[in-house]
Amino acid sequence: MLGIDPDGRSDRLDDHYKHLRRGFNWLGSATVIAKLIDFGTIVTVLLFLTKDQVGVASLVVSIGMVVESMNGLGTGEALVQARDVSRLQLDTVFWFVIGLSLVIVCVILLLSPAVQMVYGIAGMTAYLAVIAVKQPIVGAALIPIALMNRALQYERIAVVNVIATFLAALTRLGLAVGGAGAWALVIGFAAHGLYTLIGAQVARPFRPSLQFRMYAISGLTHFGVRAAVNNALHQMFKNVDYLLIGWLYGPSQLAIYRVAFDIAMEPVMAVGMLVNRTSMPVFARVWENKAKLLGALQWSLGRLEILLMPLMAFFVMAADPLMTLLHDREGHSYAGAALPLKLLAIAAMLRVTLEVLYALMLASGRPGAAVRLSGSTLLLLSGGLLTAGFIYPAGTGVVAMSAVWLLIYPPLLFWGAHFLQHNWAIHISQLKNAMIVPLVGVAALTIVWAVGKPLIHNFNPEVQITCAAITAALTYLGMFVYLRKKSQNAETTM
């Protein structure tokens, strides 16, 4: 008999490809739209802020992201992973999360003077107070978002994400134009949590009852603590470079690095979020079936590489003219971010491949493995960044720290391949077919650009960027036409 729990979660395994496709279509589209909105408004905001203001705001937001990773102590992931959830558990989790967020608020307020002293930035305590206020707001949105994930309601999640991102972008842009300086980015970051809460409650209303039984969620918190440690390590990994560059080189150099990092890595972060939200519920259903898990992994990796490889190649090709055009409020160019952008774009392709493992580890009930992977990644990255920071001066140091990203992934990917082999007897060669089409496409793109670049070398930056964009777009078109014909031929032969 087919079982469906109260949240609408089906036990049937045969439709996992349908869920993957629907999730990628909805969340993927929402992610692309959200990132386009973010990218467009942030580039515009840079014109109204000095490099120091961008650096200060980037540092504050990085601290906020690390703090926010402890939201709910991993109970959101535990709710998604759990087979059945009762009303008592939902109510208890809600009040547990709110109580925890209030504790975090107090900790932030107590530690903010020390953080201000370490970085030597005036007004840091006020910025961190805004980060503190965001925590209960984000916590209140945890239950409705988890329920939508459990029910695979990707359409609703997509709408909530796009609307929240759009409203936060408008908030950020309006404040920047009005002369708010670093506050524009800090308040925009905090406002995203409020807009997400409102949207989540509209899309999946949840009204908590006044009941709390800690014993009812002991299993969820046991899983959640390990997931929370993984999340915290993962966020530290994603933000330790900002924290160290801000400390070693100051806000201005951090602004240069932040621009390069955002352009290269933000699409990867978006896709990583897409993978976690889309693949985790599906992996949770199929991880015990090797054949279906292999198919899901091939499908996911193939789509990720197809979506990102030509885009990263475009950033490498267009880095110099793109950074030449970008400047801050005082007219200073971001040309120093061109080489870091190229290095980070290449590293991004390695990073996105590794992101798939996090969702698989959590979905298969292995948060400990995810913690070890996050810890290893953080250790390698932190060690490399600190070494580069103490050896190289400011200008060269930003380039060296960007290069560190390229050096840490080969050993991590080797470990990930061993993990798949050990737990599911899936050899890396079984996944190679997912990479062939994007690799061939990017190879053709690289050859065309190498031949054509000398012809446009003396043209203005706008023309060079346009030519790079057209080349990348034609690569996307060629790949999608090929895949469509391949799919049609497969259906014809069936």
Protein backbone atom coordinates (compact mmCIF):
# COMPACT_ATOMS: atom_id res chain seq x y z
CA MET A 1 0.00 0.00 0.00
CA LEU A 2 1.27 3.45 -0.84
CA GLY A 3 1.89 5.49 2.30
CA ILE A 4 1.66 9.27 2.50
CA ASP A 5 2.33 11.14 5.73
CA PRO A 6 0.29 14.19 6.85
CA ASP A 7 2.68 16.56 5.06
CA GLY A 8 1.97 14.95 1.72
CA ARG A 9 5.28 13.09 1.51
CA SER A 10 4.93 10.00 -0.70
CA ASP A 11 6.89 6.81 -0.10
CA ARG A 12 6.95 5.92 -3.78
CA LEU A 13 10.41 5.91 -5.34
CA ASP A 14 9.58 5.61 -9.01
CA ASP A 15 8.89 9.32 -9.52
CA HIS A 16 12.21 10.66 -8.18
CA TYR A 17 13.30 11.89 -11.63
CA LYS A 18 10.07 13.84 -11.93
CA HIS A 19 10.71 15.51 -8.57
CA LEU A 20 14.28 16.31 -9.57
CA ARG A 21 13.20 17.87 -12.86
CA ARG A 22 10.38 19.83 -11.25
CA GLY A 23 12.64 21.00 -8.44
CA PHE A 24 15.41 22.06 -10.80
CA ASN A 25 12.95 23.81 -13.11
CA TRP A 26 11.22 25.78 -10.36
CA LEU A 27 14.03 26.37 -7.89
CA GLY A 28 16.54 26.72 -10.71
CA SER A 29 14.47 29.39 -12.43
CA ALA A 30 13.88 31.13 -9.11
CA THR A 31 17.58 31.00 -8.29
CA VAL A 32 18.56 32.45 -11.66
CA ILE A 33 16.02 35.26 -11.32
CA ALA A 34 17.06 35.97 -7.73
CA LYS A 35 20.74 36.06 -8.61
CA LEU A 36 20.14 38.32 -11.60
CA ILE A 37 18.25 40.68 -9.32
CA ASP A 38 20.99 40.50 -6.69
CA PHE A 39 23.80 40.93 -9.19
CA GLY A 40 22.14 43.84 -10.96
CA THR A 41 21.35 45.75 -7.78
CA ILE A 42 24.69 45.06 -6.09
CA VAL A 43 26.61 46.31 -9.14
CA THR A 44 24.43 49.42 -9.08
CA VAL A 45 24.90 49.83 -5.33
CA LEU A 46 28.70 49.72 -5.78
CA LEU A 47 28.45 52.97 -7.73
CA PHE A 48 27.03 54.72 -4.63
CA LEU A 49 29.43 53.27 -2.04
CA THR A 50 33.14 53.69 -1.43
CA LYS A 51 35.39 50.64 -1.31
CA ASP A 52 35.72 51.02 2.46
CA GLN A 53 31.94 51.01 2.89
CA VAL A 54 31.60 47.91 0.71
CA GLY A 55 34.33 46.20 2.72
CA VAL A 56 32.77 47.02 6.10
CA ALA A 57 29.33 45.83 4.99
CA SER A 58 30.80 42.65 3.51
CA LEU A 59 32.48 41.86 6.81
CA VAL A 60 29.28 42.40 8.80
CA VAL A 61 27.19 40.30 6.41
CA SER A 62 29.77 37.50 6.58
CA ILE A 63 29.52 37.44 10.36
CA GLY A 64 25.74 37.42 10.01
CA MET A 65 25.80 34.43 7.66
CA VAL A 66 27.97 32.41 10.06
CA VAL A 67 25.66 33.24 12.97
CA GLU A 68 22.57 32.44 10.91
CA SER A 69 23.91 28.98 10.07
CA MET A 70 23.05 27.97 13.64
CA ASN A 71 19.40 28.89 13.06
CA GLY A 72 17.29 26.23 14.78
CA LEU A 73 20.35 24.13 15.60
CA GLY A 74 19.77 22.02 12.48
CA THR A 75 16.15 21.16 13.28
CA GLY A 76 15.05 22.43 9.86
CA GLU A 77 17.18 19.81 8.11
CA ALA A 78 16.01 17.21 10.64
CA LEU A 79 12.37 17.94 9.84
CA VAL A 80 13.01 17.49 6.11
CA GLN A 81 14.86 14.24 6.68
CA ALA A 82 12.42 12.73 9.23
CA ARG A 83 9.95 10.16 7.95
CA ASP A 84 7.00 11.34 10.07
CA VAL A 85 6.45 14.52 12.05
CA SER A 86 3.69 15.14 14.61
CA ARG A 87 1.97 18.40 15.49
CA LEU A 88 3.54 18.28 18.96
CA GLN A 89 6.98 18.07 17.38
CA LEU A 90 6.29 21.03 15.08
CA ASP A 91 5.11 23.21 17.96
CA THR A 92 8.02 22.18 20.17
CA VAL A 93 10.55 22.82 17.41
CA PHE A 94 9.07 26.28 16.82
CA TRP A 95 9.42 27.38 20.45
CA PHE A 96 12.82 25.71 20.70
CA VAL A 97 14.03 27.69 17.69
CA ILE A 98 12.64 31.00 18.98
CA GLY A 99 14.23 30.46 22.40
CA LEU A 100 17.56 29.57 20.82
CA SER A 101 17.46 32.64 18.57
CA LEU A 102 16.95 34.90 21.60
CA VAL A 103 20.00 33.37 23.23
CA ILE A 104 21.97 34.07 20.05
CA VAL A 105 20.77 37.69 20.14
CA CYS A 106 22.21 38.10 23.63
CA VAL A 107 25.51 36.50 22.64
CA ILE A 108 25.89 38.80 19.61
CA LEU A 109 25.21 41.91 21.68
CA LEU A 110 27.70 40.81 24.35
CA LEU A 111 30.48 39.99 21.89
CA SER A 112 30.03 42.88 19.43
CA PRO A 113 32.36 45.30 21.32
CA ALA A 114 35.14 42.69 21.17
CA VAL A 115 34.57 42.18 17.43
CA GLN A 116 34.75 45.94 16.89
CA MET A 117 38.05 46.06 18.78
CA VAL A 118 39.57 43.18 16.75
CA TYR A 119 38.76 44.77 13.39
CA GLY A 120 39.22 48.36 14.48
CA ILE A 121 36.11 49.54 12.61
CA ALA A 122 34.02 52.25 14.24
CA GLY A 123 30.28 51.54 14.49
CA MET A 124 30.66 47.77 14.25
CA THR A 125 28.45 47.21 17.32
CA ALA A 126 25.54 49.02 15.68
CA TYR A 127 25.84 46.95 12.50
CA LEU A 128 25.94 43.72 14.52
CA ALA A 129 22.82 44.78 16.45
CA VAL A 130 20.91 44.60 13.15
CA ILE A 131 22.29 41.10 12.58
CA ALA A 132 21.06 40.15 16.06
CA VAL A 133 17.53 41.41 15.39
CA LYS A 134 17.34 39.22 12.26
CA GLN A 135 17.82 35.94 14.16
CA PRO A 136 14.32 35.49 15.70
CA ILE A 137 12.79 36.54 12.37
CA VAL A 138 14.69 33.86 10.48
CA GLY A 139 13.86 31.34 13.20
CA ALA A 140 10.14 31.98 12.88
CA ALA A 141 10.29 31.09 9.17
CA LEU A 142 11.95 27.71 9.75
CA ILE A 143 8.80 25.58 10.21
CA PRO A 144 6.81 26.73 7.14
CA ILE A 145 9.90 26.43 4.91
CA ALA A 146 10.64 22.94 6.25
CA LEU A 147 7.03 21.87 5.65
CA MET A 148 7.17 23.09 2.05
CA ASN A 149 10.42 21.19 1.53
CA ARG A 150 8.91 18.02 3.01
CA ALA A 151 5.95 18.27 0.68
CA LEU A 152 8.22 19.04 -2.31
CA GLN A 153 6.31 22.28 -2.89
CA TYR A 154 9.06 23.74 -5.03
CA GLU A 155 6.75 26.20 -6.75
CA ARG A 156 5.88 27.94 -3.50
CA ILE A 157 9.48 27.98 -2.29
CA ALA A 158 10.55 29.49 -5.61
CA VAL A 159 7.97 32.28 -5.41
CA VAL A 160 8.91 33.10 -1.81
CA ASN A 161 12.62 33.24 -2.67
CA VAL A 162 12.18 35.48 -5.70
CA ILE A 163 9.84 37.92 -3.96
CA ALA A 164 12.04 38.13 -0.84
CA THR A 165 15.15 38.69 -2.96
CA PHE A 166 13.43 41.34 -5.08
CA LEU A 167 12.14 43.29 -2.07
CA ALA A 168 15.51 43.05 -0.29
CA ALA A 169 17.23 44.29 -3.45
CA LEU A 170 14.87 47.26 -3.66
CA THR A 171 15.54 48.03 0.00
CA ARG A 172 19.30 47.83 -0.53
CA LEU A 173 19.20 49.96 -3.68
CA GLY A 174 16.93 52.61 -2.20
CA LEU A 175 19.14 53.02 0.86
CA ALA A 176 22.30 53.18 -1.26
CA VAL A 177 20.89 55.86 -3.54
CA GLY A 178 19.74 57.75 -0.44
CA GLY A 179 23.32 57.86 0.89
CA ALA A 180 23.06 55.21 3.61
CA GLY A 181 26.54 53.86 2.86
CA ALA A 182 27.38 50.49 4.42
CA TRP A 183 23.94 50.42 6.08
CA ALA A 184 22.39 49.79 2.66
CA LEU A 185 23.96 46.32 2.41
CA VAL A 186 23.54 45.47 6.10
CA ILE A 187 19.86 46.42 6.28
CA GLY A 188 19.20 44.78 2.91
CA PHE A 189 20.66 41.54 4.28
CA ALA A 190 18.49 41.72 7.41
CA ALA A 191 15.38 42.70 5.46
CA HIS A 192 15.62 39.53 3.35
CA GLY A 193 14.85 37.51 6.48
CA LEU A 194 11.72 39.54 7.18
CA TYR A 195 10.45 39.25 3.62
CA THR A 196 11.13 35.50 3.67
CA LEU A 197 9.14 35.09 6.88
CA ILE A 198 6.16 36.97 5.47
CA GLY A 199 6.26 35.02 2.21
CA ALA A 200 6.67 31.65 3.94
CA GLN A 201 3.70 32.31 6.21
CA VAL A 202 1.56 33.26 3.23
CA ALA A 203 2.66 30.23 1.19
CA ARG A 204 2.46 27.69 4.03
CA PRO A 205 0.75 29.21 7.10
CA PHE A 206 1.85 27.84 10.45
CA ARG A 207 0.34 28.97 13.75
CA PRO A 208 2.16 27.41 16.72
CA SER A 209 0.20 26.12 19.68
CA LEU A 210 1.27 26.77 23.24
CA GLN A 211 2.76 23.34 23.84
CA PHE A 212 6.36 22.35 24.41
CA ARG A 213 7.72 18.87 25.15
CA MET A 214 11.48 18.63 24.75
CA TYR A 215 11.40 14.84 24.77
CA ALA A 216 9.27 14.92 21.60
CA ILE A 217 12.10 16.37 19.53
CA SER A 218 15.07 14.56 21.08
CA GLY A 219 15.59 12.56 17.86
CA LEU A 220 15.33 15.70 15.75
CA THR A 221 17.81 17.64 17.87
CA HIS A 222 20.21 14.68 17.92
CA PHE A 223 20.31 14.75 14.13
CA GLY A 224 20.03 18.53 14.03
CA VAL A 225 23.06 19.26 16.21
CA ARG A 226 25.32 17.41 13.80
CA ALA A 227 23.63 19.10 10.84
CA ALA A 228 24.05 22.48 12.57
CA VAL A 229 27.75 21.86 13.13
CA ASN A 230 28.03 21.01 9.44
CA ASN A 231 26.13 24.18 8.51
CA ALA A 232 28.33 26.30 10.76
CA LEU A 233 31.52 24.80 9.35
CA HIS A 234 30.15 25.20 5.83
CA GLN A 235 29.34 28.88 6.43
CA MET A 236 32.70 29.45 8.08
CA PHE A 237 34.24 27.89 4.98
CA LYS A 238 32.26 30.25 2.75
CA ASN A 239 33.09 33.35 4.83
CA VAL A 240 36.48 32.75 6.44
CA ASP A 241 38.18 34.49 3.51
CA TYR A 242 36.14 37.65 4.09
CA LEU A 243 36.87 37.56 7.81
CA LEU A 244 40.60 37.07 7.32
CA ILE A 245 41.04 39.56 4.47
CA GLY A 246 39.12 42.17 6.43
CA TRP A 247 41.38 41.56 9.42
CA LEU A 248 44.71 41.33 7.53
CA TYR A 249 44.24 43.87 4.73
CA GLY A 250 41.35 46.13 5.74
CA PRO A 251 37.96 47.03 4.19
CA SER A 252 39.26 48.47 0.90
CA GLN A 253 41.09 45.29 -0.15
CA LEU A 254 38.15 43.23 1.07
CA ALA A 255 35.91 45.21 -1.30
CA ILE A 256 38.12 44.27 -4.28
CA TYR A 257 38.09 40.62 -3.27
CA ARG A 258 34.35 40.69 -2.55
CA VAL A 259 33.52 41.95 -6.05
CA ALA A 260 35.57 39.18 -7.67
CA PHE A 261 34.22 36.55 -5.30
CA ASP A 262 30.58 37.54 -5.70
CA ILE A 263 30.73 37.46 -9.49
CA ALA A 264 32.54 34.10 -9.62
CA MET A 265 31.13 32.26 -6.63
CA GLU A 266 27.60 33.59 -6.11
CA PRO A 267 26.23 31.52 -9.02
CA VAL A 268 27.88 28.47 -7.46
CA MET A 269 26.41 29.24 -4.05
CA ALA A 270 23.01 29.63 -5.67
CA VAL A 271 23.35 26.29 -7.43
CA GLY A 272 24.59 24.70 -4.22
CA MET A 273 21.46 25.92 -2.47
CA LEU A 274 19.41 24.60 -5.38
CA VAL A 275 21.09 21.20 -5.06
CA ASN A 276 20.47 21.01 -1.33
CA ARG A 277 16.82 22.02 -1.58
CA THR A 278 16.01 19.92 -4.62
CA SER A 279 18.19 16.86 -4.25
CA MET A 280 18.06 16.25 -0.53
CA PRO A 281 14.39 15.12 -0.41
CA VAL A 282 14.95 12.94 -3.49
CA PHE A 283 18.22 11.48 -2.22
CA ALA A 284 16.45 10.71 1.06
CA ARG A 285 14.09 8.43 -0.88
CA VAL A 286 16.56 6.66 -3.15
CA TRP A 287 19.86 6.44 -1.22
CA GLU A 288 19.29 2.77 -0.37
CA ASN A 289 18.86 1.89 -4.05
CA LYS A 290 22.25 2.16 -5.79
CA ALA A 291 20.88 2.20 -9.35
CA LYS A 292 18.41 5.00 -8.65
CA LEU A 293 20.94 6.94 -6.59
CA LEU A 294 23.49 6.69 -9.42
CA GLY A 295 20.91 7.98 -11.88
CA ALA A 296 20.01 10.87 -9.59
CA LEU A 297 23.67 11.77 -9.12
CA GLN A 298 24.35 11.67 -12.87
CA TRP A 299 21.33 13.81 -13.61
CA SER A 300 22.17 16.36 -10.91
CA LEU A 301 25.87 16.66 -11.76
CA GLY A 302 25.14 16.90 -15.47
CA ARG A 303 22.67 19.74 -15.04
CA LEU A 304 24.93 21.59 -12.64
CA GLU A 305 27.91 21.48 -14.98
CA ILE A 306 25.83 22.41 -18.02
CA LEU A 307 24.37 25.41 -16.22
CA LEU A 308 27.66 26.70 -14.82
CA MET A 309 30.61 25.79 -17.04
CA PRO A 310 29.92 28.25 -19.90
CA LEU A 311 29.07 30.97 -17.39
CA MET A 312 32.36 30.52 -15.54
CA ALA A 313 34.19 30.49 -18.88
CA PHE A 314 32.50 33.80 -19.72
CA PHE A 315 33.74 35.36 -16.48
CA VAL A 316 37.30 34.26 -17.27
CA MET A 317 37.07 35.74 -20.77
CA ALA A 318 35.38 38.99 -19.74
CA ALA A 319 37.15 39.61 -16.41
CA ASP A 320 39.50 42.36 -17.61
CA PRO A 321 37.01 44.56 -19.47
CA LEU A 322 34.29 43.92 -16.89
CA MET A 323 36.41 45.04 -13.94
CA THR A 324 37.73 48.02 -15.91
CA LEU A 325 34.20 49.35 -16.29
CA LEU A 326 33.23 48.86 -12.64
CA HIS A 327 34.06 51.67 -10.20
CA ASP A 328 33.06 52.97 -6.78
CA ARG A 329 31.44 56.25 -5.69
CA GLU A 330 34.77 58.07 -5.80
CA GLY A 331 35.52 56.86 -9.35
CA HIS A 332 38.14 54.29 -8.36
CA SER A 333 38.23 51.27 -10.67
CA TYR A 334 37.90 47.63 -9.57
CA ALA A 335 40.50 46.56 -12.16
CA GLY A 336 42.47 44.88 -9.36
CA ALA A 337 39.70 42.29 -9.10
CA ALA A 338 40.22 40.93 -12.65
CA LEU A 339 42.87 38.28 -11.89
CA PRO A 340 41.16 37.11 -8.66
CA LEU A 341 37.94 36.78 -10.69
CA LYS A 342 39.62 34.47 -13.21
CA LEU A 343 41.10 32.25 -10.49
CA LEU A 344 37.85 32.09 -8.51
CA ALA A 345 35.79 31.29 -11.61
CA ILE A 346 37.92 28.21 -12.28
CA ALA A 347 37.77 27.18 -8.63
CA ALA A 348 34.01 27.57 -8.70
CA MET A 349 33.64 24.64 -11.09
CA LEU A 350 35.47 22.37 -8.67
CA ARG A 351 33.43 23.66 -5.78
CA VAL A 352 30.05 23.03 -7.36
CA THR A 353 30.95 19.38 -7.97
CA LEU A 354 31.68 18.88 -4.30
CA GLU A 355 28.44 20.58 -3.22
CA VAL A 356 26.38 17.56 -4.30
CA LEU A 357 27.94 15.43 -1.57
CA TYR A 358 26.60 17.61 1.26
CA ALA A 359 22.98 16.98 0.29
CA LEU A 360 23.64 13.25 -0.17
CA MET A 361 25.34 12.91 3.21
CA LEU A 362 22.51 14.60 5.08
CA ALA A 363 19.79 12.81 3.10
CA SER A 364 21.33 9.40 3.78
CA GLY A 365 21.57 10.04 7.53
CA ARG A 366 25.32 10.74 7.57
CA PRO A 367 25.65 14.24 9.05
CA GLY A 368 28.92 13.13 10.66
CA ALA A 369 30.46 12.65 7.23
CA ALA A 370 29.23 16.09 6.19
CA VAL A 371 30.81 17.57 9.30
CA ARG A 372 34.14 15.90 8.52
CA LEU A 373 34.02 17.19 4.94
CA SER A 374 33.16 20.72 6.06
CA GLY A 375 35.82 20.63 8.76
CA SER A 376 38.47 19.41 6.34
CA THR A 377 37.50 22.07 3.82
CA LEU A 378 37.59 24.80 6.44
CA LEU A 379 40.96 23.61 7.75
CA LEU A 380 42.55 23.55 4.30
CA LEU A 381 41.10 26.91 3.29
CA SER A 382 41.91 28.67 6.57
CA GLY A 383 45.46 27.35 6.59
CA GLY A 384 46.03 28.40 2.99
CA LEU A 385 44.52 31.85 3.50
CA LEU A 386 46.51 32.54 6.67
CA THR A 387 49.72 31.43 4.97
CA ALA A 388 49.06 33.68 1.98
CA GLY A 389 48.01 36.54 4.25
CA PHE A 390 51.20 36.53 6.30
CA ILE A 391 53.50 36.06 3.29
CA TYR A 392 52.09 38.48 0.71
CA PRO A 393 51.30 42.21 0.98
CA ALA A 394 47.82 43.60 0.36
CA GLY A 395 47.65 43.82 -3.45
CA THR A 396 49.39 40.52 -4.16
CA GLY A 397 47.76 38.90 -1.14
CA VAL A 398 44.26 39.14 -2.57
CA VAL A 399 45.45 37.29 -5.69
CA ALA A 400 47.25 34.67 -3.59
CA MET A 401 44.17 34.10 -1.44
CA SER A 402 42.09 33.62 -4.59
CA ALA A 403 44.58 31.01 -5.79
CA VAL A 404 44.20 29.09 -2.52
CA TRP A 405 40.68 28.12 -3.63
CA LEU A 406 42.17 26.27 -6.61
CA LEU A 407 44.59 24.31 -4.46
CA ILE A 408 42.20 22.92 -1.83
CA TYR A 409 39.73 21.07 -4.06
CA PRO A 410 41.76 18.20 -5.61
CA PRO A 411 42.25 16.42 -2.24
CA LEU A 412 38.63 17.11 -1.25
CA LEU A 413 37.28 15.69 -4.51
CA PHE A 414 39.53 12.65 -4.10
CA TRP A 415 38.04 12.11 -0.63
CA GLY A 416 34.52 12.51 -2.07
CA ALA A 417 35.23 9.86 -4.71
CA HIS A 418 36.43 7.49 -1.99
CA PHE A 419 33.25 8.22 0.01
CA LEU A 420 31.00 7.22 -2.90
CA GLN A 421 33.06 4.12 -3.60
CA HIS A 422 33.08 3.02 0.04
CA ASN A 423 29.39 3.56 0.80
CA TRP A 424 27.66 2.74 -2.50
CA ALA A 425 30.35 1.12 -4.67
CA ILE A 426 29.88 4.02 -7.12
CA HIS A 427 33.12 4.62 -9.01
CA ILE A 428 33.95 8.07 -10.34
CA SER A 429 34.07 6.63 -13.87
CA GLN A 430 30.33 5.94 -13.61
CA LEU A 431 29.71 9.69 -13.37
CA LYS A 432 31.89 10.76 -16.30
CA ASN A 433 29.03 10.74 -18.81
CA ALA A 434 27.44 13.62 -16.91
CA MET A 435 30.52 15.76 -17.67
CA ILE A 436 31.11 15.02 -21.37
CA VAL A 437 28.67 17.51 -22.92
CA PRO A 438 29.68 20.56 -20.81
CA LEU A 439 33.38 19.75 -21.16
CA VAL A 440 33.14 19.50 -24.94
CA GLY A 441 31.06 22.69 -25.05
CA VAL A 442 33.53 24.70 -22.97
CA ALA A 443 36.49 23.31 -24.93
CA ALA A 444 34.89 24.56 -28.15
CA LEU A 445 34.14 27.90 -26.47
CA THR A 446 37.77 28.24 -25.36
CA ILE A 447 39.11 27.53 -28.85
CA VAL A 448 36.77 30.04 -30.48
CA TRP A 449 37.70 32.71 -27.93
CA ALA A 450 41.44 32.06 -28.27
CA VAL A 451 41.16 32.55 -32.04
CA GLY A 452 38.90 35.58 -31.88
CA LYS A 453 40.35 37.49 -28.92
CA PRO A 454 43.28 39.05 -30.84
CA LEU A 455 40.79 40.48 -33.32
CA ILE A 456 38.90 42.47 -30.64
CA HIS A 457 41.83 43.21 -28.31
CA ASN A 458 41.85 46.94 -29.14
CA PHE A 459 38.09 47.37 -29.01
CA ASN A 460 36.43 49.12 -26.07
CA PRO A 461 35.45 47.04 -22.98
CA GLU A 462 31.74 47.00 -23.85
CA VAL A 463 32.41 45.34 -27.21
CA GLN A 464 34.73 42.75 -25.65
CA ILE A 465 32.14 41.85 -23.01
CA THR A 466 29.43 41.59 -25.66
CA CYS A 467 31.55 39.26 -27.80
CA ALA A 468 32.31 37.04 -24.80
CA ALA A 469 28.61 36.92 -23.88
CA ILE A 470 27.58 35.98 -27.41
CA THR A 471 30.17 33.20 -27.51
CA ALA A 472 28.96 31.79 -24.19
CA ALA A 473 25.31 32.06 -25.28
CA LEU A 474 26.05 30.12 -28.47
CA THR A 475 27.71 27.42 -26.35
CA TYR A 476 24.58 27.13 -24.20
CA LEU A 477 22.44 26.96 -27.33
CA GLY A 478 24.59 24.24 -28.87
CA MET A 479 24.50 22.11 -25.71
CA PHE A 480 20.75 22.39 -25.26
CA VAL A 481 20.06 21.61 -28.94
CA TYR A 482 22.29 18.53 -28.71
CA LEU A 483 20.65 17.32 -25.49
CA ARG A 484 17.18 17.89 -26.88
CA LYS A 485 17.94 15.84 -30.01
CA LYS A 486 19.51 13.14 -27.86
CA SER A 487 16.42 12.99 -25.69
CA GLN A 488 14.12 12.83 -28.74
CA ASN A 489 16.18 10.03 -30.28
CA ALA A 490 16.04 8.10 -27.00
CA GLU A 491 12.25 8.44 -26.90
CA THR A 492 11.98 7.31 -30.54
CA THR A 493 13.96 4.13 -29.93
CA MET A 494 11.93 3.16 -26.85
